[in-house]
Amino acid sequence: MTRPYAEVIGDPIAHSKSPLIHGFWLDRLGIDARYEQCHVTPDALAGYFDARRADPAWRGCNITIPHKEAALALVADKGGIRDTIGAINTVFRDADGELTGTNTDAGGFIAPIADVDLAGRPVVVIGSGGAARAILFALARIGAGPVTLLARNALKGAALLSHFGLQGAVKPLDAPLPPAALLVNASPLGMTGQPALDIDLSPLPDDAVVYDIVYAPLETPLLQAAEAQGLETVDGLDMLVGQAALAFEIFFGSAPPRDDDDDLRRLLMS
């Protein structure tokens, strides 16, 4: 029997730490399976899913930039993700044998800040892509807001706030920050190979949390600036590991050993 496997797809993909995370858990649990990365360009996305439908060893994939919205049209949407988050980051073969999309980003995002009371408190989100959709969904569920969305496309940003029923405003990426309890970078800005995120954090109050979902590099200039200002920070590994844990159980049928998170973080930072 062919060894079962899952993978992460994206363009680019070489930076992904998902194979390290899933490989660590597979080893700790003694599961005979593998997890790999696969470079898939936008024009090859449909062909990728066609090929995996025919491969019985394939358990599923995680999805990163830039496919989180486009992939929705290529797989089943049995959980109604299209009408809620509007983007997927995980595809798996369900009990009927169909390739089905879901989203573990929202749960992965909220886990590290679950003890922060954001109900009715102002939040700033940078970006309007697939990751931002999951984050806005999560913020709406916990009653956060108003939300200031910094985005290149004002119309797209306004549509997102409306879709999630969030009060707030859309401003350009270079707009000054308003005071906020939480600032989230949900864009690729600051990622290795991408332009830097140049933003003045001085309007944020002393108890604000700055959360950067970028994890390559792990200590982004945004987080460095926040730490220099004495603000609490959350790095991209927290969300990455959180969403991966939910996907791991979907792919391999076992919960990952989260008691080993300290060992995992040391591996990811080495």
Protein backbone atom coordinates (compact mmCIF):
# COMPACT_ATOMS: atom_id res chain seq x y z
CA MET A 1 0.00 0.00 0.00
CA THR A 2 1.28 3.45 -0.91
CA ARG A 3 2.32 5.54 2.07
CA PRO A 4 -0.32 8.22 2.81
CA TYR A 5 0.69 11.84 2.53
CA ALA A 6 -0.52 15.43 2.76
CA GLU A 7 1.18 18.61 1.59
CA VAL A 8 1.14 22.38 1.48
CA ILE A 9 0.73 24.26 -1.79
CA GLY A 10 1.44 27.85 -2.73
CA ASP A 11 3.39 30.22 -4.95
CA PRO A 12 6.02 30.76 -3.54
CA ILE A 13 6.32 27.76 -1.23
CA ALA A 14 10.01 27.29 -0.32
CA HIS A 15 9.57 29.40 2.85
CA SER A 16 6.83 27.18 4.29
CA LYS A 17 7.41 25.66 7.71
CA SER A 18 4.36 23.38 7.47
CA PRO A 19 6.42 20.28 6.51
CA LEU A 20 8.52 20.74 9.67
CA ILE A 21 5.42 21.08 11.84
CA HIS A 22 3.51 18.11 10.46
CA GLY A 23 6.67 16.01 10.21
CA PHE A 24 7.42 16.70 13.87
CA TRP A 25 3.94 15.55 14.92
CA LEU A 26 3.97 12.49 12.66
CA ASP A 27 7.29 11.43 14.19
CA ARG A 28 6.15 12.04 17.78
CA LEU A 29 2.98 10.00 17.22
CA GLY A 30 4.69 7.26 15.22
CA ILE A 31 2.34 7.67 12.25
CA ASP A 32 3.67 6.16 9.02
CA ALA A 33 2.84 9.05 6.69
CA ARG A 34 4.56 12.04 5.15
CA TYR A 35 3.91 15.73 4.64
CA GLU A 36 5.58 17.68 1.85
CA GLN A 37 5.51 21.01 0.06
CA CYS A 38 4.41 21.42 -3.55
CA HIS A 39 4.96 24.51 -5.68
CA VAL A 40 1.72 25.21 -7.53
CA THR A 41 1.32 28.29 -9.73
CA PRO A 42 -2.12 29.86 -10.28
CA ASP A 43 -2.47 28.44 -13.79
CA ALA A 44 -1.66 24.94 -12.50
CA LEU A 45 -4.10 24.96 -9.56
CA ALA A 46 -6.99 23.18 -11.30
CA GLY A 47 -4.65 20.53 -12.69
CA TYR A 48 -3.19 19.96 -9.23
CA PHE A 49 -6.57 19.08 -7.76
CA ASP A 50 -7.45 16.92 -10.77
CA ALA A 51 -4.27 14.89 -10.22
CA ARG A 52 -4.82 14.52 -6.47
CA ARG A 53 -8.39 13.28 -6.97
CA ALA A 54 -6.90 10.26 -8.68
CA ASP A 55 -4.28 9.57 -5.99
CA PRO A 56 -5.70 7.39 -3.16
CA ALA A 57 -2.63 8.03 -0.96
CA TRP A 58 -3.31 11.80 -0.85
CA ARG A 59 -5.03 12.87 2.39
CA GLY A 60 -5.25 16.57 1.65
CA CYS A 61 -3.36 19.85 1.51
CA ASN A 62 -2.93 23.15 3.24
CA ILE A 63 -3.14 26.22 1.02
CA THR A 64 -1.13 29.39 1.25
CA ILE A 65 -0.67 32.55 -0.85
CA PRO A 66 -2.13 33.15 -3.43
CA HIS A 67 -4.65 30.29 -3.72
CA LYS A 68 -6.95 30.61 -0.69
CA GLU A 69 -9.82 32.21 -2.60
CA ALA A 70 -9.31 30.63 -6.03
CA ALA A 71 -9.27 27.09 -4.63
CA LEU A 72 -12.86 27.47 -3.41
CA ALA A 73 -14.16 27.12 -6.97
CA LEU A 74 -12.27 23.87 -7.53
CA VAL A 75 -13.44 21.72 -4.60
CA ALA A 76 -16.67 20.93 -2.76
CA ASP A 77 -17.90 23.48 -0.22
CA LYS A 78 -20.02 21.34 2.11
CA GLY A 79 -19.45 23.60 5.11
CA GLY A 80 -20.66 26.76 3.40
CA ILE A 81 -17.26 28.44 3.56
CA ARG A 82 -18.02 30.46 0.42
CA ASP A 83 -20.83 32.30 2.19
CA THR A 84 -18.96 32.80 5.47
CA ILE A 85 -15.19 33.24 5.35
CA GLY A 86 -14.98 33.15 1.56
CA ALA A 87 -11.53 31.51 1.49
CA ILE A 88 -10.12 28.09 2.32
CA ASN A 89 -6.74 27.02 3.61
CA THR A 90 -7.34 23.27 3.84
CA VAL A 91 -8.63 20.65 1.40
CA PHE A 92 -9.24 17.03 2.37
CA ARG A 93 -10.83 13.90 0.96
CA ASP A 94 -14.11 13.46 2.84
CA ALA A 95 -16.04 10.28 3.70
CA ASP A 96 -17.71 10.38 0.28
CA GLY A 97 -14.34 10.56 -1.47
CA GLU A 98 -14.89 14.17 -2.54
CA LEU A 99 -12.24 16.86 -2.25
CA THR A 100 -13.72 19.31 0.23
CA GLY A 101 -12.51 22.69 1.39
CA THR A 102 -12.49 24.13 4.89
CA ASN A 103 -10.71 26.87 6.81
CA THR A 104 -8.59 26.40 9.94
CA ASP A 105 -7.07 29.91 9.80
CA ALA A 106 -9.83 31.50 11.88
CA GLY A 107 -9.37 29.07 14.76
CA GLY A 108 -5.60 29.24 14.47
CA PHE A 109 -5.69 33.03 14.54
CA ILE A 110 -7.86 33.45 17.61
CA ALA A 111 -6.22 30.81 19.83
CA PRO A 112 -3.17 32.89 20.93
CA ILE A 113 -5.33 35.89 21.90
CA ALA A 114 -8.32 34.02 23.32
CA ASP A 115 -7.72 35.60 26.74
CA VAL A 116 -7.70 39.17 25.36
CA ASP A 117 -11.08 40.89 25.74
CA LEU A 118 -11.69 42.48 22.35
CA ALA A 119 -15.47 42.77 22.52
CA GLY A 120 -16.44 46.27 21.42
CA ARG A 121 -12.81 47.37 21.21
CA PRO A 122 -11.15 48.93 18.13
CA VAL A 123 -8.98 46.74 15.90
CA VAL A 124 -6.78 47.50 12.88
CA VAL A 125 -6.27 44.84 10.19
CA ILE A 126 -3.73 45.28 7.39
CA GLY A 127 -4.56 43.40 4.18
CA SER A 128 -7.65 42.14 2.38
CA GLY A 129 -6.67 38.71 1.03
CA GLY A 130 -7.60 35.18 2.05
CA ALA A 131 -5.93 35.35 5.46
CA ALA A 132 -7.62 38.67 6.22
CA ARG A 133 -11.01 37.12 5.45
CA ALA A 134 -10.48 34.41 8.09
CA ILE A 135 -9.28 37.00 10.61
CA LEU A 136 -12.23 39.32 10.00
CA PHE A 137 -14.58 36.35 10.36
CA ALA A 138 -13.00 35.51 13.72
CA LEU A 139 -13.14 39.13 14.90
CA ALA A 140 -16.82 39.35 13.98
CA ARG A 141 -17.55 36.16 15.93
CA ILE A 142 -16.06 37.59 19.13
CA GLY A 143 -17.73 40.99 18.74
CA ALA A 144 -14.60 43.05 18.14
CA GLY A 145 -14.78 46.42 16.50
CA PRO A 146 -14.94 48.93 15.07
CA VAL A 147 -12.39 47.62 12.56
CA THR A 148 -10.11 49.85 10.51
CA LEU A 149 -9.00 47.93 7.44
CA LEU A 150 -5.85 49.15 5.70
CA ALA A 151 -6.03 47.90 2.11
CA ARG A 152 -4.87 48.72 -1.41
CA ASN A 153 -8.38 48.28 -2.83
CA ALA A 154 -10.92 50.40 -0.96
CA LEU A 155 -13.94 48.83 -2.64
CA LYS A 156 -12.79 45.30 -1.83
CA GLY A 157 -12.08 46.33 1.75
CA ALA A 158 -15.51 47.92 2.19
CA ALA A 159 -17.15 44.81 0.77
CA LEU A 160 -15.28 42.67 3.31
CA LEU A 161 -16.39 44.75 6.29
CA SER A 162 -19.96 44.62 5.03
CA HIS A 163 -19.80 40.88 4.38
CA PHE A 164 -18.76 40.16 7.95
CA GLY A 165 -21.13 42.71 9.46
CA LEU A 166 -18.29 44.74 10.93
CA GLN A 167 -18.52 48.45 11.67
CA GLY A 168 -15.47 50.45 10.70
CA ALA A 169 -13.63 52.11 7.85
CA VAL A 170 -11.25 51.30 5.01
CA LYS A 171 -8.11 53.39 4.63
CA PRO A 172 -5.00 53.25 2.41
CA LEU A 173 -2.03 51.17 3.53
CA ASP A 174 -0.04 54.30 4.36
CA ALA A 175 -2.78 55.93 6.47
CA PRO A 176 -1.87 56.82 10.07
CA LEU A 177 -3.00 54.27 12.62
CA PRO A 178 -5.93 55.08 14.88
CA PRO A 179 -5.71 53.99 18.54
CA ALA A 180 -6.56 50.28 18.72
CA ALA A 181 -6.52 47.38 21.15
CA LEU A 182 -5.20 45.04 18.46
CA LEU A 183 -3.18 45.55 15.28
CA VAL A 184 -2.98 42.58 12.89
CA ASN A 185 -0.78 42.35 9.83
CA ALA A 186 -2.71 39.95 7.59
CA SER A 187 -0.73 40.90 4.48
CA PRO A 188 2.52 39.54 3.00
CA LEU A 189 4.24 42.85 3.75
CA GLY A 190 7.40 42.21 5.74
CA MET A 191 7.73 38.64 4.47
CA THR A 192 11.07 37.61 3.01
CA GLY A 193 11.11 38.79 -0.61
CA GLN A 194 8.23 41.24 -0.07
CA PRO A 195 8.29 45.00 0.58
CA ALA A 196 8.66 46.05 4.20
CA LEU A 197 5.68 47.16 6.27
CA ASP A 198 6.60 50.70 7.28
CA ILE A 199 4.12 51.95 9.85
CA ASP A 200 4.20 54.30 12.85
CA LEU A 201 2.95 52.49 15.96
CA SER A 202 2.98 55.52 18.26
CA PRO A 203 -0.84 56.03 18.15
CA LEU A 204 -1.36 52.60 19.77
CA PRO A 205 -2.08 52.61 23.53
CA ASP A 206 0.30 50.93 25.97
CA ASP A 207 -1.93 47.86 26.35
CA ALA A 208 -2.29 47.20 22.62
CA VAL A 209 -1.36 43.84 21.10
CA VAL A 210 0.52 43.69 17.79
CA TYR A 211 0.01 40.44 15.86
CA ASP A 212 1.96 39.66 12.69
CA ILE A 213 0.94 36.51 10.81
CA VAL A 214 4.16 36.61 8.76
CA TYR A 215 6.57 33.92 9.99
CA ALA A 216 9.46 34.23 7.52
CA PRO A 217 11.24 36.05 9.05
CA LEU A 218 9.80 35.24 12.46
CA GLU A 219 10.87 38.51 14.08
CA THR A 220 9.53 40.98 11.54
CA PRO A 221 10.33 44.69 11.59
CA LEU A 222 6.73 45.28 12.73
CA LEU A 223 7.20 43.07 15.80
CA GLN A 224 10.62 44.61 16.50
CA ALA A 225 9.06 48.07 16.46
CA ALA A 226 6.22 46.93 18.72
CA GLU A 227 8.63 45.37 21.23
CA ALA A 228 10.75 48.54 21.22
CA GLN A 229 7.60 50.43 22.18
CA GLY A 230 6.90 47.98 25.00
CA LEU A 231 3.80 46.48 23.36
CA GLU A 232 2.68 42.86 23.66
CA THR A 233 3.34 40.89 20.48
CA VAL A 234 2.16 37.67 18.82
CA ASP A 235 4.30 36.19 16.06
CA GLY A 236 3.32 34.20 13.00
CA LEU A 237 4.26 30.83 14.47
CA ASP A 238 1.36 30.96 16.91
CA MET A 239 -1.25 31.15 14.15
CA LEU A 240 0.71 28.79 11.89
CA VAL A 241 0.91 26.05 14.52
CA GLY A 242 -2.69 26.60 15.62
CA GLN A 243 -4.18 26.23 12.15
CA ALA A 244 -1.83 23.33 11.40
CA ALA A 245 -3.02 21.43 14.46
CA LEU A 246 -6.62 21.55 13.25
CA ALA A 247 -5.59 20.44 9.75
CA PHE A 248 -3.35 17.63 11.07
CA GLU A 249 -6.29 15.96 12.79
CA ILE A 250 -8.35 16.22 9.59
CA PHE A 251 -5.58 14.65 7.49
CA PHE A 252 -4.30 11.94 9.81
CA GLY A 253 -7.16 11.25 12.23
CA SER A 254 -5.17 11.99 15.40
CA ALA A 255 -4.81 15.13 17.48
CA PRO A 256 -1.22 16.44 17.45
CA PRO A 257 0.82 16.34 20.70
CA ARG A 258 0.44 19.99 21.72
CA ASP A 259 2.25 19.32 25.01
CA ASP A 260 5.37 19.29 22.84
CA ASP A 261 4.85 22.83 21.50
CA ASP A 262 8.01 24.15 23.19
CA ASP A 263 10.12 21.53 21.41
CA LEU A 264 8.34 22.32 18.14
CA ARG A 265 8.98 26.05 18.46
CA ARG A 266 12.67 25.43 19.12
CA LEU A 267 12.81 23.31 15.96
CA LEU A 268 11.08 25.96 13.90
CA MET A 269 13.39 28.69 15.16
CA SER A 270 16.63 26.72 14.69
